[in-house]
Amino acid sequence: MSRRAWILFALLAGFWGASYLFIKVALEDGVPPAAIVCIRTGLAALVLLPVAGRLGALRGLGRRLGPVALLALVQVAAPFALITLGERDLPSALTGILVATAPIFTFLLAFVLRGEERAGRASLAGVAIGIVGVAVLLGVDSGGESAALVGGLMVVLASLGYAVGAWYLKRNLADIEPVGIVAATMAASALMAAPFVAIDPPPAFPALDAAGSLLALGVLGTGVAFVIFYWLIATEGPARASLVAYVAPGFSVVYGVTLLDEPFGPATAAGLLLIVGGSWLAAEGRPPWRRREPREGVPTAAEAATPDAAAA
């Protein structure tokens, strides 16, 4: 990759990895989860809609409002809400690691839909390794407390939503420009969250740190990040751009440990390695040091995965 691409790649991983930090700061200031989801998706839509309109990426969406709304629910609104609800009882670093299970669910869906041609030994081993990583984080690192377990399962369920949304997108909206899809789903998700904000509004205007976190979460971590992501896809290819999903959890750990004084022990390190390594094996079907042999009809991780898994 070019020097500029490396810089943008690092910024993208940093922005997406910081999402959990921003969510945690807002939660600790008392901002309700629905308000966090509504604000971040609304701000992202304000960034992305003008870009998508200028690129002509919104053409054809008016005739596909139903599929766009369903995609927004499954891939954005519901996962964002589950992650935010779950993070009330989880450290931000642990949340960022658990979200990295999305490629495992992507593989499992591919296996169910495509059959044994996807069931390579390395991929199946990756699924098993990732499950062990989840068990380590939820059973050991979280202390096994019921609230933390429920929160962790919410985050894992959000990762399943990312995977289901990716497959729905590929089958129903593959002919629409990606940046247009993201802009539309962010706008739809903000509208979906708005009624819940009316039911449970913030008790007061957020404090300066929480307001800044929400602004950064929506504009940088969601809006600008997607612009960078699609620039990387266009210039460096989807395979290289999708690698950010395996780098972002490391940033979430660094932010949580250094800025929020979250603990980082052997169990956290083991969970991080097991989940990220297992997700890679499940998605790519090979260790990182071996080149992937292309197989006809079998999608790579970049073709099957969704960028929202890192953007959470």
Protein backbone atom coordinates (compact mmCIF):
# COMPACT_ATOMS: atom_id res chain seq x y z
CA MET A 1 0.00 0.00 0.00
CA SER A 2 1.06 3.58 -0.51
CA ARG A 3 2.19 5.76 2.39
CA ARG A 4 -1.06 7.71 2.23
CA ALA A 5 -3.06 4.48 2.31
CA TRP A 6 -1.16 3.24 5.38
CA ILE A 7 -1.85 6.50 7.19
CA LEU A 8 -5.55 6.35 6.36
CA PHE A 9 -5.67 2.66 7.30
CA ALA A 10 -4.23 3.49 10.72
CA LEU A 11 -6.67 6.38 11.16
CA LEU A 12 -9.57 4.13 10.22
CA ALA A 13 -8.55 1.44 12.73
CA GLY A 14 -8.07 4.14 15.34
CA PHE A 15 -11.48 5.72 14.68
CA TRP A 16 -13.35 2.41 14.72
CA GLY A 17 -11.44 1.11 17.73
CA ALA A 18 -12.32 4.29 19.64
CA SER A 19 -16.08 3.75 19.18
CA TYR A 20 -16.32 1.73 22.39
CA LEU A 21 -14.41 4.36 24.34
CA PHE A 22 -16.82 7.06 23.16
CA ILE A 23 -19.84 4.90 23.98
CA LYS A 24 -18.53 4.22 27.48
CA VAL A 25 -17.91 7.91 28.20
CA ALA A 26 -21.43 8.81 27.08
CA LEU A 27 -22.98 5.99 29.13
CA GLU A 28 -21.11 7.02 32.26
CA ASP A 29 -22.47 10.54 31.86
CA GLY A 30 -26.01 9.14 31.91
CA VAL A 31 -26.86 9.38 28.22
CA PRO A 32 -29.49 6.68 27.48
CA PRO A 33 -28.50 3.98 24.97
CA ALA A 34 -31.24 4.95 22.51
CA ALA A 35 -30.01 8.54 22.47
CA ILE A 36 -26.45 7.38 21.79
CA VAL A 37 -27.62 5.28 18.83
CA CYS A 38 -29.81 8.07 17.47
CA ILE A 39 -27.13 10.75 17.78
CA ARG A 40 -24.29 8.70 16.29
CA THR A 41 -26.32 7.49 13.31
CA GLY A 42 -27.87 10.91 12.74
CA LEU A 43 -24.47 12.62 12.72
CA ALA A 44 -23.08 9.91 10.45
CA ALA A 45 -25.97 10.46 8.05
CA LEU A 46 -25.23 14.19 7.98
CA VAL A 47 -21.67 13.37 6.91
CA LEU A 48 -22.43 10.58 4.47
CA LEU A 49 -25.58 11.75 2.69
CA PRO A 50 -23.91 14.77 0.98
CA VAL A 51 -20.97 12.56 -0.07
CA ALA A 52 -23.30 9.87 -1.42
CA GLY A 53 -25.44 12.46 -3.20
CA ARG A 54 -22.42 14.08 -4.85
CA LEU A 55 -21.22 10.67 -6.05
CA GLY A 56 -24.67 9.76 -7.36
CA ALA A 57 -24.75 6.80 -4.98
CA LEU A 58 -28.34 7.39 -3.85
CA ARG A 59 -29.88 6.61 -7.24
CA GLY A 60 -32.31 3.71 -7.10
CA LEU A 61 -32.78 3.78 -3.35
CA GLY A 62 -36.23 5.36 -3.58
CA ARG A 63 -37.58 2.13 -5.10
CA ARG A 64 -35.90 -0.02 -2.43
CA LEU A 65 -37.08 1.61 0.79
CA GLY A 66 -38.35 -1.67 2.26
CA PRO A 67 -35.07 -3.60 1.87
CA VAL A 68 -33.08 -0.56 3.01
CA ALA A 69 -35.21 -0.25 6.16
CA LEU A 70 -34.84 -3.96 6.94
CA LEU A 71 -31.08 -3.78 6.38
CA ALA A 72 -30.85 -0.73 8.65
CA LEU A 73 -32.70 -2.60 11.40
CA VAL A 74 -30.66 -5.81 11.18
CA GLN A 75 -27.21 -4.38 10.43
CA VAL A 76 -27.15 -0.97 12.11
CA ALA A 77 -29.94 -0.02 14.51
CA ALA A 78 -30.28 -3.33 16.37
CA PRO A 79 -26.53 -4.10 16.60
CA PHE A 80 -25.67 -0.56 17.68
CA ALA A 81 -28.40 -0.74 20.36
CA LEU A 82 -27.25 -4.17 21.58
CA ILE A 83 -23.62 -3.07 21.78
CA THR A 84 -24.53 0.09 23.68
CA LEU A 85 -26.81 -1.80 26.09
CA GLY A 86 -24.21 -4.49 26.61
CA GLU A 87 -21.42 -2.02 27.26
CA ARG A 88 -23.22 -0.71 30.32
CA ASP A 89 -21.88 -3.78 32.15
CA LEU A 90 -18.70 -4.42 30.16
CA PRO A 91 -15.36 -2.64 29.80
CA SER A 92 -15.00 -0.90 26.46
CA ALA A 93 -11.93 -3.01 25.60
CA LEU A 94 -13.80 -6.27 26.14
CA THR A 95 -16.69 -5.00 24.02
CA GLY A 96 -14.34 -4.19 21.15
CA ILE A 97 -12.84 -7.68 21.27
CA LEU A 98 -16.22 -9.44 21.33
CA VAL A 99 -17.42 -7.52 18.25
CA ALA A 100 -14.56 -9.16 16.34
CA THR A 101 -16.56 -12.43 16.36
CA ALA A 102 -18.57 -11.18 13.35
CA PRO A 103 -16.44 -13.06 10.75
CA ILE A 104 -17.13 -16.30 12.63
CA PHE A 105 -20.86 -15.82 12.15
CA THR A 106 -20.26 -14.84 8.52
CA PHE A 107 -18.50 -18.18 7.98
CA LEU A 108 -21.24 -20.14 9.76
CA LEU A 109 -23.90 -18.52 7.59
CA ALA A 110 -21.85 -19.30 4.49
CA PHE A 111 -21.50 -22.90 5.62
CA VAL A 112 -25.24 -23.27 6.13
CA LEU A 113 -26.09 -21.62 2.82
CA ARG A 114 -23.29 -23.05 0.68
CA GLY A 115 -22.64 -26.42 2.24
CA GLU A 116 -19.46 -28.37 2.83
CA GLU A 117 -17.38 -26.50 0.25
CA ARG A 118 -16.90 -23.79 2.88
CA ALA A 119 -16.06 -26.21 5.69
CA GLY A 120 -12.28 -26.33 5.48
CA ARG A 121 -10.39 -27.62 8.49
CA ALA A 122 -8.79 -24.25 9.17
CA SER A 123 -12.16 -22.47 9.04
CA LEU A 124 -13.77 -24.97 11.40
CA ALA A 125 -10.79 -24.70 13.72
CA GLY A 126 -11.20 -20.92 13.63
CA VAL A 127 -14.82 -21.22 14.76
CA ALA A 128 -13.80 -23.45 17.67
CA ILE A 129 -10.93 -21.14 18.64
CA GLY A 130 -13.19 -18.09 18.54
CA ILE A 131 -15.80 -19.80 20.74
CA VAL A 132 -13.09 -20.62 23.27
CA GLY A 133 -12.06 -16.95 23.19
CA VAL A 134 -15.62 -15.83 23.93
CA ALA A 135 -15.80 -18.32 26.79
CA VAL A 136 -12.52 -17.02 28.22
CA LEU A 137 -13.68 -13.41 28.11
CA LEU A 138 -17.18 -14.00 29.46
CA GLY A 139 -16.36 -16.76 31.92
CA VAL A 140 -13.00 -15.56 33.22
CA ASP A 141 -12.26 -11.97 32.29
CA SER A 142 -15.74 -10.66 33.14
CA GLY A 143 -15.71 -12.46 36.47
CA GLY A 144 -18.71 -14.55 35.50
CA GLU A 145 -21.17 -12.00 36.88
CA SER A 146 -24.68 -12.32 35.47
CA ALA A 147 -24.92 -8.70 34.27
CA ALA A 148 -21.59 -8.96 32.46
CA LEU A 149 -22.60 -12.28 30.91
CA VAL A 150 -25.85 -10.81 29.60
CA GLY A 151 -24.01 -7.75 28.31
CA GLY A 152 -21.43 -9.92 26.57
CA LEU A 153 -24.11 -12.04 24.93
CA MET A 154 -25.77 -8.85 23.67
CA VAL A 155 -22.51 -7.83 21.98
CA VAL A 156 -22.08 -11.28 20.45
CA LEU A 157 -25.69 -11.14 19.21
CA ALA A 158 -24.89 -7.78 17.61
CA SER A 159 -22.05 -9.48 15.73
CA LEU A 160 -24.56 -12.03 14.45
CA GLY A 161 -26.68 -9.12 13.21
CA TYR A 162 -23.70 -7.77 11.28
CA ALA A 163 -23.21 -11.14 9.59
CA VAL A 164 -26.91 -11.59 8.74
CA GLY A 165 -27.03 -8.04 7.39
CA ALA A 166 -24.01 -8.69 5.17
CA TRP A 167 -25.70 -11.67 3.55
CA TYR A 168 -28.99 -9.79 3.14
CA LEU A 169 -27.14 -6.89 1.54
CA LYS A 170 -25.34 -9.17 -0.90
CA ARG A 171 -28.58 -10.78 -2.01
CA ASN A 172 -30.92 -7.80 -2.16
CA LEU A 173 -28.95 -4.56 -2.56
CA ALA A 174 -25.69 -5.56 -4.23
CA ASP A 175 -26.43 -3.30 -7.22
CA ILE A 176 -26.47 -0.12 -5.08
CA GLU A 177 -23.30 1.87 -4.41
CA PRO A 178 -21.99 0.92 -0.93
CA VAL A 179 -21.58 4.50 0.32
CA GLY A 180 -25.20 5.15 -0.67
CA ILE A 181 -26.36 2.10 1.27
CA VAL A 182 -24.44 3.14 4.37
CA ALA A 183 -25.73 6.71 4.21
CA ALA A 184 -29.33 5.52 3.79
CA THR A 185 -29.13 2.91 6.55
CA MET A 186 -27.62 5.42 8.96
CA ALA A 187 -30.45 7.87 8.28
CA ALA A 188 -33.06 5.13 8.64
CA SER A 189 -31.48 3.92 11.87
CA ALA A 190 -31.58 7.42 13.36
CA LEU A 191 -35.30 7.58 12.56
CA MET A 192 -35.85 4.15 14.13
CA ALA A 193 -34.10 5.18 17.33
CA ALA A 194 -35.86 8.55 17.60
CA PRO A 195 -39.13 7.23 19.17
CA PHE A 196 -37.15 5.48 21.91
CA VAL A 197 -35.34 8.74 22.64
CA ALA A 198 -38.73 10.41 23.05
CA ILE A 199 -39.70 7.71 25.57
CA ASP A 200 -36.40 7.85 27.46
CA PRO A 201 -34.78 11.24 26.80
CA PRO A 202 -31.47 12.29 28.32
CA PRO A 203 -32.04 13.76 31.80
CA ALA A 204 -29.92 16.79 30.94
CA PHE A 205 -27.64 18.10 28.23
CA PRO A 206 -24.54 15.88 28.20
CA ALA A 207 -21.40 17.10 29.93
CA LEU A 208 -18.60 18.41 27.74
CA ASP A 209 -16.70 15.09 27.63
CA ALA A 210 -19.85 13.11 26.79
CA ALA A 211 -20.96 15.63 24.15
CA GLY A 212 -17.50 15.52 22.59
CA SER A 213 -17.55 11.73 22.63
CA LEU A 214 -20.93 11.63 20.88
CA LEU A 215 -19.73 14.11 18.28
CA ALA A 216 -16.56 12.10 17.65
CA LEU A 217 -18.51 8.83 17.60
CA GLY A 218 -20.94 10.04 14.96
CA VAL A 219 -18.73 12.24 12.78
CA LEU A 220 -15.35 10.48 13.00
CA GLY A 221 -16.05 6.94 14.18
CA THR A 222 -19.00 6.40 11.87
CA GLY A 223 -19.23 9.08 9.16
CA VAL A 224 -15.65 9.98 8.22
CA ALA A 225 -14.51 6.41 8.92
CA PHE A 226 -16.78 5.03 6.22
CA VAL A 227 -15.55 7.60 3.71
CA ILE A 228 -11.98 6.45 4.43
CA PHE A 229 -13.01 2.79 4.26
CA TYR A 230 -14.53 3.10 0.81
CA TRP A 231 -11.56 5.15 -0.40
CA LEU A 232 -9.31 2.26 0.68
CA ILE A 233 -11.55 -0.24 -1.10
CA ALA A 234 -11.36 1.81 -4.30
CA THR A 235 -7.59 2.35 -4.18
CA GLU A 236 -6.20 -0.73 -2.43
CA GLY A 237 -8.92 -3.34 -2.92
CA PRO A 238 -11.49 -4.87 -0.55
CA ALA A 239 -9.18 -7.62 0.75
CA ARG A 240 -6.64 -5.16 2.16
CA ALA A 241 -9.27 -2.70 3.36
CA SER A 242 -11.14 -5.43 5.27
CA LEU A 243 -8.04 -6.18 7.36
CA VAL A 244 -8.98 -3.19 9.51
CA ALA A 245 -11.51 -5.45 11.27
CA TYR A 246 -8.62 -7.37 12.82
CA VAL A 247 -6.65 -4.26 13.83
CA ALA A 248 -9.45 -2.17 15.38
CA PRO A 249 -9.89 -4.42 18.47
CA GLY A 250 -6.27 -3.77 19.41
CA PHE A 251 -6.96 -0.03 19.38
CA SER A 252 -10.05 -0.53 21.55
CA VAL A 253 -7.90 -2.34 24.12
CA VAL A 254 -5.24 0.39 24.10
CA TYR A 255 -7.85 3.14 24.53
CA GLY A 256 -9.69 1.33 27.31
CA VAL A 257 -6.55 0.50 29.28
CA THR A 258 -4.77 3.85 28.90
CA LEU A 259 -7.67 6.30 28.97
CA LEU A 260 -10.29 4.56 31.13
CA ASP A 261 -7.96 2.59 33.41
CA GLU A 262 -9.62 -0.67 32.43
CA PRO A 263 -7.84 -3.85 33.52
CA PHE A 264 -5.82 -5.89 31.04
CA GLY A 265 -4.75 -9.26 32.35
CA PRO A 266 -3.79 -12.63 30.88
CA ALA A 267 -7.44 -13.56 30.28
CA THR A 268 -8.05 -10.40 28.22
CA ALA A 269 -4.90 -11.01 26.19
CA ALA A 270 -5.83 -14.64 25.61
CA GLY A 271 -9.39 -13.71 24.60
CA LEU A 272 -8.11 -11.07 22.18
CA LEU A 273 -5.72 -13.50 20.48
CA LEU A 274 -8.23 -16.35 20.37
CA ILE A 275 -11.12 -14.29 18.97
CA VAL A 276 -9.13 -12.28 16.42
CA GLY A 277 -7.11 -15.35 15.38
CA GLY A 278 -10.20 -17.55 15.23
CA SER A 279 -12.12 -14.95 13.24
CA TRP A 280 -9.27 -14.74 10.73
CA LEU A 281 -9.13 -18.53 10.31
CA ALA A 282 -12.92 -18.80 10.00
CA ALA A 283 -13.14 -16.01 7.42
CA GLU A 284 -10.02 -16.73 5.38
CA GLY A 285 -9.64 -20.48 5.85
CA ARG A 286 -5.87 -20.21 6.30
CA PRO A 287 -3.22 -18.99 8.75
CA PRO A 288 -2.06 -15.39 8.16
CA TRP A 289 1.34 -16.50 6.85
CA ARG A 290 -0.13 -18.64 4.04
CA ARG A 291 -1.55 -17.22 0.83
CA ARG A 292 -5.18 -18.00 0.18
CA GLU A 293 -5.84 -20.35 -2.71
CA PRO A 294 -8.79 -18.95 -4.68
CA ARG A 295 -11.71 -21.33 -5.05
CA GLU A 296 -14.50 -20.77 -7.52
CA GLY A 297 -17.74 -19.72 -5.90
CA VAL A 298 -16.25 -19.28 -2.44
CA PRO A 299 -16.23 -15.68 -1.19
CA THR A 300 -13.29 -14.26 0.68
CA ALA A 301 -13.70 -12.42 3.95
CA ALA A 302 -13.68 -9.11 2.11
CA GLU A 303 -16.46 -10.27 -0.19
CA ALA A 304 -18.65 -11.68 2.56
CA ALA A 305 -17.95 -9.50 5.58
CA THR A 306 -19.42 -6.17 6.50
CA PRO A 307 -17.50 -3.06 7.53
CA ASP A 308 -20.03 -2.43 10.30
CA ALA A 309 -18.46 -5.17 12.31
CA ALA A 310 -15.50 -2.95 12.91
CA ALA A 311 -17.48 0.24 13.11
CA ALA A 312 -19.62 -0.73 16.05
